[in-house]
């Protein structure tokens, strides 16, 4: 990480109107490892309040806090998805025509 002083003036952009909190919940089912529980938070006094809510609501599960921009883009402010949430599983589907299967 590189750090430098911000010496240019900038205008106060204000606070986002709403935040998205995503909590990752581990699932003990075959072919499924994680699911998400998403929550919109509005009228927050600060991002610290939102992060506090996310930590409390997650109860130790991985979680993320996003700010929504005026154009609807979500910006990650805090947290991370579980390291193995992006695991790809390849499932091969067969058509009867693809295999040598006796037909009725």
N, C-alpha and C. Protein backbone atom coordinates (compact mmCIF):
# COMPACT_ATOMS: atom_id res chain seq x y z
N UNK A 1 0.85 -1.16 0.00
CA UNK A 1 0.00 0.00 0.00
C UNK A 1 0.89 1.23 0.00
N UNK A 2 0.55 2.18 -0.84
CA UNK A 2 1.28 3.44 -0.92
C UNK A 2 0.40 4.53 -0.32
N UNK A 3 0.96 5.40 0.48
CA UNK A 3 0.20 6.48 1.13
C UNK A 3 0.84 7.81 0.78
N UNK A 4 -0.01 8.77 0.40
CA UNK A 4 0.48 10.12 0.12
C UNK A 4 -0.56 11.13 0.59
N UNK A 5 -0.10 12.32 0.92
CA UNK A 5 -0.99 13.37 1.40
C UNK A 5 -1.88 13.85 0.26
N UNK A 6 -3.13 14.16 0.58
CA UNK A 6 -4.06 14.72 -0.39
C UNK A 6 -4.00 16.24 -0.23
N UNK A 7 -3.35 16.91 -1.16
CA UNK A 7 -3.14 18.35 -1.05
C UNK A 7 -4.09 19.16 -1.92
N UNK A 8 -4.82 18.48 -2.80
CA UNK A 8 -5.75 19.19 -3.67
C UNK A 8 -7.07 19.43 -2.94
N UNK A 9 -7.68 20.60 -3.14
CA UNK A 9 -9.00 20.83 -2.52
C UNK A 9 -10.06 19.97 -3.20
N UNK A 10 -11.05 19.57 -2.46
CA UNK A 10 -12.17 18.83 -3.04
C UNK A 10 -13.44 19.26 -2.33
N UNK A 11 -14.54 19.08 -3.02
CA UNK A 11 -15.83 19.47 -2.43
C UNK A 11 -16.35 18.34 -1.56
N UNK A 12 -17.12 18.70 -0.57
CA UNK A 12 -17.72 17.70 0.31
C UNK A 12 -18.79 16.96 -0.48
N UNK A 13 -18.63 15.67 -0.62
CA UNK A 13 -19.57 14.89 -1.43
C UNK A 13 -20.75 14.37 -0.62
N UNK A 14 -20.73 14.55 0.69
CA UNK A 14 -21.83 14.08 1.52
C UNK A 14 -21.76 12.59 1.79
N UNK A 15 -22.83 12.08 2.36
CA UNK A 15 -22.91 10.67 2.72
C UNK A 15 -23.85 9.94 1.76
N UNK A 16 -23.63 8.66 1.55
CA UNK A 16 -24.55 7.90 0.70
C UNK A 16 -25.95 7.86 1.32
N UNK A 17 -26.96 7.72 0.46
CA UNK A 17 -28.33 7.60 0.95
C UNK A 17 -28.61 6.23 1.54
N UNK A 18 -27.92 5.22 1.00
CA UNK A 18 -28.13 3.89 1.57
C UNK A 18 -26.87 3.03 1.38
N UNK A 19 -26.80 2.04 2.25
CA UNK A 19 -25.68 1.10 2.28
C UNK A 19 -26.24 -0.31 2.11
N UNK A 20 -25.46 -1.17 1.49
CA UNK A 20 -25.82 -2.58 1.40
C UNK A 20 -24.89 -3.35 2.32
N UNK A 21 -25.47 -4.14 3.20
CA UNK A 21 -24.69 -5.04 4.07
C UNK A 21 -24.96 -6.45 3.58
N UNK A 22 -23.88 -7.15 3.25
CA UNK A 22 -23.97 -8.54 2.80
C UNK A 22 -23.30 -9.42 3.83
N UNK A 23 -24.06 -10.38 4.36
CA UNK A 23 -23.54 -11.35 5.33
C UNK A 23 -23.46 -12.70 4.63
N UNK A 24 -22.29 -13.31 4.69
CA UNK A 24 -22.07 -14.62 4.08
C UNK A 24 -22.32 -15.70 5.12
N UNK A 25 -23.23 -16.62 4.82
CA UNK A 25 -23.61 -17.68 5.75
C UNK A 25 -23.20 -19.02 5.15
N UNK A 26 -22.43 -19.79 5.91
CA UNK A 26 -21.98 -21.09 5.41
C UNK A 26 -23.14 -22.09 5.49
N UNK A 27 -23.29 -22.85 4.42
CA UNK A 27 -24.39 -23.81 4.32
C UNK A 27 -23.81 -25.22 4.30
N UNK A 28 -24.45 -26.12 4.99
CA UNK A 28 -23.98 -27.51 5.06
C UNK A 28 -24.85 -28.38 4.16
N UNK A 29 -24.87 -28.07 2.86
CA UNK A 29 -25.62 -28.87 1.90
C UNK A 29 -24.70 -29.27 0.77
N UNK A 30 -24.98 -30.42 0.15
CA UNK A 30 -24.17 -30.80 -1.02
C UNK A 30 -24.35 -29.77 -2.13
N UNK A 31 -23.30 -29.47 -2.84
CA UNK A 31 -23.30 -28.57 -4.00
C UNK A 31 -23.56 -27.11 -3.64
N UNK A 32 -23.57 -26.77 -2.38
CA UNK A 32 -23.77 -25.37 -1.98
C UNK A 32 -22.89 -25.13 -0.76
N UNK A 33 -22.11 -24.08 -0.79
CA UNK A 33 -21.23 -23.82 0.33
C UNK A 33 -21.57 -22.54 1.07
N UNK A 34 -21.92 -21.48 0.33
CA UNK A 34 -22.24 -20.20 0.95
C UNK A 34 -23.53 -19.64 0.37
N UNK A 35 -24.25 -18.91 1.17
CA UNK A 35 -25.36 -18.11 0.67
C UNK A 35 -25.22 -16.74 1.30
N UNK A 36 -25.88 -15.76 0.75
CA UNK A 36 -25.78 -14.41 1.29
C UNK A 36 -27.11 -13.94 1.83
N UNK A 37 -27.03 -13.09 2.81
CA UNK A 37 -28.17 -12.40 3.37
C UNK A 37 -27.88 -10.91 3.20
N UNK A 38 -28.64 -10.24 2.34
CA UNK A 38 -28.38 -8.84 1.99
C UNK A 38 -29.39 -7.92 2.65
N UNK A 39 -28.90 -6.79 3.15
CA UNK A 39 -29.74 -5.83 3.87
C UNK A 39 -29.42 -4.42 3.42
N UNK A 40 -30.46 -3.61 3.11
CA UNK A 40 -30.27 -2.18 2.81
C UNK A 40 -30.42 -1.42 4.11
N UNK A 41 -29.47 -0.54 4.39
CA UNK A 41 -29.54 0.34 5.56
C UNK A 41 -29.65 1.78 5.07
N UNK A 42 -30.60 2.51 5.60
CA UNK A 42 -30.80 3.91 5.23
C UNK A 42 -30.80 4.76 6.50
N UNK A 43 -30.66 6.05 6.33
CA UNK A 43 -30.71 7.02 7.42
C UNK A 43 -29.65 6.76 8.49
N UNK A 44 -28.51 6.22 8.07
CA UNK A 44 -27.41 5.98 9.02
C UNK A 44 -26.70 7.30 9.30
N UNK A 45 -26.27 7.48 10.53
CA UNK A 45 -25.54 8.69 10.90
C UNK A 45 -24.11 8.68 10.37
N UNK A 46 -23.53 7.48 10.21
CA UNK A 46 -22.14 7.39 9.74
C UNK A 46 -21.87 5.98 9.22
N UNK A 47 -20.79 5.86 8.47
CA UNK A 47 -20.39 4.54 8.01
C UNK A 47 -19.96 3.67 9.19
N UNK A 48 -19.46 4.28 10.24
CA UNK A 48 -19.08 3.52 11.44
C UNK A 48 -20.31 2.84 12.05
N UNK A 49 -21.44 3.53 12.03
CA UNK A 49 -22.69 2.94 12.53
C UNK A 49 -23.08 1.73 11.68
N UNK A 50 -22.94 1.85 10.36
CA UNK A 50 -23.29 0.76 9.44
C UNK A 50 -22.36 -0.43 9.67
N UNK A 51 -21.07 -0.18 9.78
CA UNK A 51 -20.11 -1.28 10.02
C UNK A 51 -20.41 -1.95 11.36
N UNK A 52 -20.73 -1.17 12.37
CA UNK A 52 -21.09 -1.74 13.67
C UNK A 52 -22.31 -2.65 13.57
N UNK A 53 -23.32 -2.19 12.81
CA UNK A 53 -24.51 -3.01 12.61
C UNK A 53 -24.15 -4.30 11.89
N UNK A 54 -23.32 -4.19 10.86
CA UNK A 54 -22.91 -5.37 10.08
C UNK A 54 -22.18 -6.37 10.96
N UNK A 55 -21.25 -5.90 11.76
CA UNK A 55 -20.50 -6.81 12.66
C UNK A 55 -21.43 -7.52 13.63
N UNK A 56 -22.34 -6.76 14.21
CA UNK A 56 -23.27 -7.34 15.19
C UNK A 56 -24.21 -8.34 14.51
N UNK A 57 -24.75 -7.96 13.36
CA UNK A 57 -25.70 -8.82 12.66
C UNK A 57 -25.03 -10.07 12.12
N UNK A 58 -23.77 -9.98 11.69
CA UNK A 58 -23.07 -11.13 11.12
C UNK A 58 -22.71 -12.17 12.17
N UNK A 59 -22.54 -11.76 13.40
CA UNK A 59 -22.23 -12.72 14.45
C UNK A 59 -20.99 -13.55 14.19
N UNK A 60 -19.97 -12.96 13.58
CA UNK A 60 -18.73 -13.67 13.32
C UNK A 60 -18.61 -14.21 11.91
N UNK A 61 -19.71 -14.25 11.16
CA UNK A 61 -19.63 -14.69 9.76
C UNK A 61 -19.00 -13.59 8.92
N UNK A 62 -18.40 -13.95 7.79
CA UNK A 62 -17.83 -12.92 6.91
C UNK A 62 -18.92 -11.95 6.44
N UNK A 63 -18.58 -10.68 6.32
CA UNK A 63 -19.56 -9.70 5.87
C UNK A 63 -18.88 -8.58 5.11
N UNK A 64 -19.70 -7.82 4.36
CA UNK A 64 -19.21 -6.71 3.56
C UNK A 64 -20.17 -5.54 3.71
N UNK A 65 -19.64 -4.32 3.59
CA UNK A 65 -20.46 -3.12 3.58
C UNK A 65 -20.16 -2.36 2.29
N UNK A 66 -21.21 -2.04 1.54
CA UNK A 66 -21.10 -1.29 0.30
C UNK A 66 -21.86 0.03 0.44
N UNK A 67 -21.36 1.08 -0.19
CA UNK A 67 -22.10 2.33 -0.31
C UNK A 67 -22.67 2.38 -1.72
N UNK A 68 -23.91 2.83 -1.83
CA UNK A 68 -24.52 2.97 -3.15
C UNK A 68 -24.32 4.40 -3.63
N UNK A 69 -23.78 4.54 -4.83
CA UNK A 69 -23.57 5.87 -5.42
C UNK A 69 -24.89 6.34 -6.06
N UNK A 70 -24.99 7.63 -6.39
CA UNK A 70 -26.22 8.12 -7.02
C UNK A 70 -26.60 7.38 -8.31
N UNK A 71 -25.62 6.83 -9.03
CA UNK A 71 -25.95 6.10 -10.27
C UNK A 71 -26.21 4.61 -10.02
N UNK A 72 -26.25 4.19 -8.75
CA UNK A 72 -26.57 2.81 -8.42
C UNK A 72 -25.38 1.87 -8.30
N UNK A 73 -24.17 2.38 -8.52
CA UNK A 73 -22.97 1.56 -8.38
C UNK A 73 -22.73 1.27 -6.90
N UNK A 74 -22.29 0.05 -6.59
CA UNK A 74 -21.96 -0.32 -5.21
C UNK A 74 -20.45 -0.28 -5.03
N UNK A 75 -20.01 0.45 -4.02
CA UNK A 75 -18.58 0.57 -3.70
C UNK A 75 -18.31 -0.16 -2.39
N UNK A 76 -17.39 -1.11 -2.43
CA UNK A 76 -17.03 -1.84 -1.22
C UNK A 76 -16.29 -0.91 -0.27
N UNK A 77 -16.82 -0.75 0.94
CA UNK A 77 -16.18 0.10 1.95
C UNK A 77 -15.44 -0.70 3.01
N UNK A 78 -15.95 -1.87 3.31
CA UNK A 78 -15.39 -2.64 4.44
C UNK A 78 -15.74 -4.11 4.26
N UNK A 79 -14.85 -4.99 4.72
CA UNK A 79 -15.12 -6.41 4.77
C UNK A 79 -14.65 -7.14 3.51
N UNK A 80 -14.98 -8.40 3.45
CA UNK A 80 -14.59 -9.24 2.32
C UNK A 80 -15.46 -10.48 2.29
N UNK A 81 -15.60 -11.04 1.08
CA UNK A 81 -16.27 -12.32 0.93
C UNK A 81 -15.35 -13.42 1.45
N UNK A 82 -15.89 -14.56 1.81
CA UNK A 82 -15.03 -15.67 2.24
C UNK A 82 -14.07 -16.05 1.11
N UNK A 83 -12.89 -16.49 1.48
CA UNK A 83 -11.88 -16.83 0.47
C UNK A 83 -12.35 -17.90 -0.49
N UNK A 84 -13.15 -18.84 -0.03
CA UNK A 84 -13.57 -19.94 -0.89
C UNK A 84 -14.95 -19.71 -1.50
N UNK A 85 -15.49 -18.50 -1.42
CA UNK A 85 -16.83 -18.23 -1.96
C UNK A 85 -16.84 -18.20 -3.47
N UNK A 86 -15.70 -18.01 -4.07
CA UNK A 86 -15.65 -17.94 -5.53
C UNK A 86 -15.22 -19.26 -6.16
N UNK A 87 -15.28 -20.31 -5.40
CA UNK A 87 -14.89 -21.62 -5.91
C UNK A 87 -15.83 -22.01 -7.06
N UNK A 88 -15.28 -22.52 -8.12
CA UNK A 88 -16.05 -22.96 -9.27
C UNK A 88 -16.16 -24.47 -9.25
N UNK A 89 -17.37 -24.96 -9.43
CA UNK A 89 -17.61 -26.39 -9.51
C UNK A 89 -18.17 -26.67 -10.89
N UNK A 90 -17.56 -27.59 -11.59
CA UNK A 90 -18.03 -27.97 -12.92
C UNK A 90 -18.90 -29.21 -12.80
N UNK A 91 -20.11 -29.10 -13.31
CA UNK A 91 -21.05 -30.22 -13.30
C UNK A 91 -21.32 -30.59 -14.74
N UNK A 92 -21.05 -31.82 -15.08
CA UNK A 92 -21.28 -32.29 -16.45
C UNK A 92 -22.69 -32.84 -16.56
N UNK A 93 -23.44 -32.33 -17.50
CA UNK A 93 -24.80 -32.81 -17.76
C UNK A 93 -24.79 -33.61 -19.05
N UNK A 94 -25.44 -34.74 -19.03
CA UNK A 94 -25.47 -35.61 -20.20
C UNK A 94 -26.87 -35.66 -20.77
N UNK A 95 -26.91 -35.68 -22.07
CA UNK A 95 -28.14 -35.88 -22.82
C UNK A 95 -28.12 -37.33 -23.27
N UNK A 96 -29.27 -37.98 -23.33
CA UNK A 96 -29.30 -39.39 -23.76
C UNK A 96 -28.63 -39.57 -25.12
N UNK A 97 -28.68 -38.56 -25.96
CA UNK A 97 -28.07 -38.66 -27.28
C UNK A 97 -26.54 -38.60 -27.19
N UNK A 98 -26.01 -38.05 -26.09
CA UNK A 98 -24.58 -37.95 -25.91
C UNK A 98 -23.96 -39.24 -25.40
N UNK A 99 -24.79 -40.10 -24.84
CA UNK A 99 -24.28 -41.34 -24.25
C UNK A 99 -24.90 -42.52 -24.95
N UNK A 100 -24.27 -43.63 -24.79
CA UNK A 100 -24.77 -44.86 -25.38
C UNK A 100 -25.74 -45.50 -24.38
N UNK A 101 -26.99 -44.97 -24.36
CA UNK A 101 -27.98 -45.44 -23.40
C UNK A 101 -29.10 -46.12 -24.17
N UNK A 102 -29.48 -47.32 -23.74
CA UNK A 102 -30.59 -48.00 -24.42
C UNK A 102 -31.86 -47.14 -24.31
N UNK A 103 -32.59 -47.03 -25.39
CA UNK A 103 -33.83 -46.26 -25.40
C UNK A 103 -35.03 -47.18 -25.27
N UNK A 104 -36.04 -46.71 -24.62
CA UNK A 104 -37.25 -47.52 -24.42
C UNK A 104 -38.13 -47.52 -25.64
